[in-house]
Amino acid sequence: IVGEAKTGYFEQMGGRIPAGRIARLADIAPAYLYLMQNEFMTGETVHIDGGQRLV
């Protein structure tokens, strides 16, 4: 996906999830840091999807 088609695609996808937008790096980074800093956590899946799994 390139150019304007790419922008339109992401806007369309963002409108389909409860958060109303796609994830930004600022949304993902805290979860990544949490997983990397906790030595006792193993094999966990964290869904950072703006509520898409609820739809």
Protein backbone atom coordinates (compact mmCIF):
# COMPACT_ATOMS: atom_id res chain seq x y z
CA ILE A 1 0.00 0.00 0.00
CA VAL A 2 1.50 3.33 -1.04
CA GLY A 3 0.75 7.05 -0.91
CA GLU A 4 -2.84 8.17 -0.50
CA ALA A 5 -4.14 4.60 -0.52
CA LYS A 6 -2.05 3.88 2.58
CA THR A 7 -3.43 6.90 4.45
CA GLY A 8 -7.00 6.02 3.50
CA TYR A 9 -6.53 2.41 4.55
CA PHE A 10 -5.32 3.31 8.04
CA GLU A 11 -8.08 5.89 8.52
CA GLN A 12 -10.67 3.32 7.47
CA MET A 13 -9.26 0.64 9.75
CA GLY A 14 -9.07 3.07 12.68
CA GLY A 15 -12.75 3.87 12.26
CA ARG A 16 -13.64 0.20 12.70
CA ILE A 17 -12.26 -0.20 16.21
CA PRO A 18 -13.63 1.18 19.50
CA ALA A 19 -10.60 3.43 20.08
CA GLY A 20 -11.36 5.18 16.77
CA ARG A 21 -7.75 5.10 15.53
CA ILE A 22 -4.88 2.74 14.94
CA ALA A 23 -2.18 2.32 17.58
CA ARG A 24 0.67 4.78 17.87
CA LEU A 25 4.14 3.97 19.13
CA ALA A 26 3.22 5.73 22.37
CA ASP A 27 0.41 3.17 22.82
CA ILE A 28 2.65 0.16 22.26
CA ALA A 29 5.88 1.19 24.02
CA PRO A 30 4.60 0.99 27.64
CA ALA A 31 3.40 -2.59 27.14
CA TYR A 32 6.69 -3.55 25.52
CA LEU A 33 8.66 -2.04 28.40
CA TYR A 34 6.44 -3.79 30.94
CA LEU A 35 7.06 -7.16 29.32
CA MET A 36 10.81 -6.61 28.96
CA GLN A 37 11.34 -5.34 32.51
CA ASN A 38 9.54 -8.16 34.31
CA GLU A 39 11.95 -11.08 34.59
CA PHE A 40 9.37 -13.39 36.14
CA MET A 41 6.84 -13.05 33.31
CA THR A 42 7.00 -15.76 30.65
CA GLY A 43 4.86 -16.63 27.66
CA GLU A 44 2.32 -13.83 27.95
CA THR A 45 0.32 -12.31 25.10
CA VAL A 46 -0.75 -8.70 25.42
CA HIS A 47 -3.26 -7.45 22.87
CA ILE A 48 -2.75 -3.78 22.10
CA ASP A 49 -5.54 -3.37 19.57
CA GLY A 50 -7.71 -0.48 20.71
CA GLY A 51 -10.54 -2.86 21.54
CA GLN A 52 -10.65 -4.52 18.11
CA ARG A 53 -11.07 -7.95 19.71
CA LEU A 54 -14.25 -6.69 21.38
CA VAL A 55 -15.95 -6.00 18.05
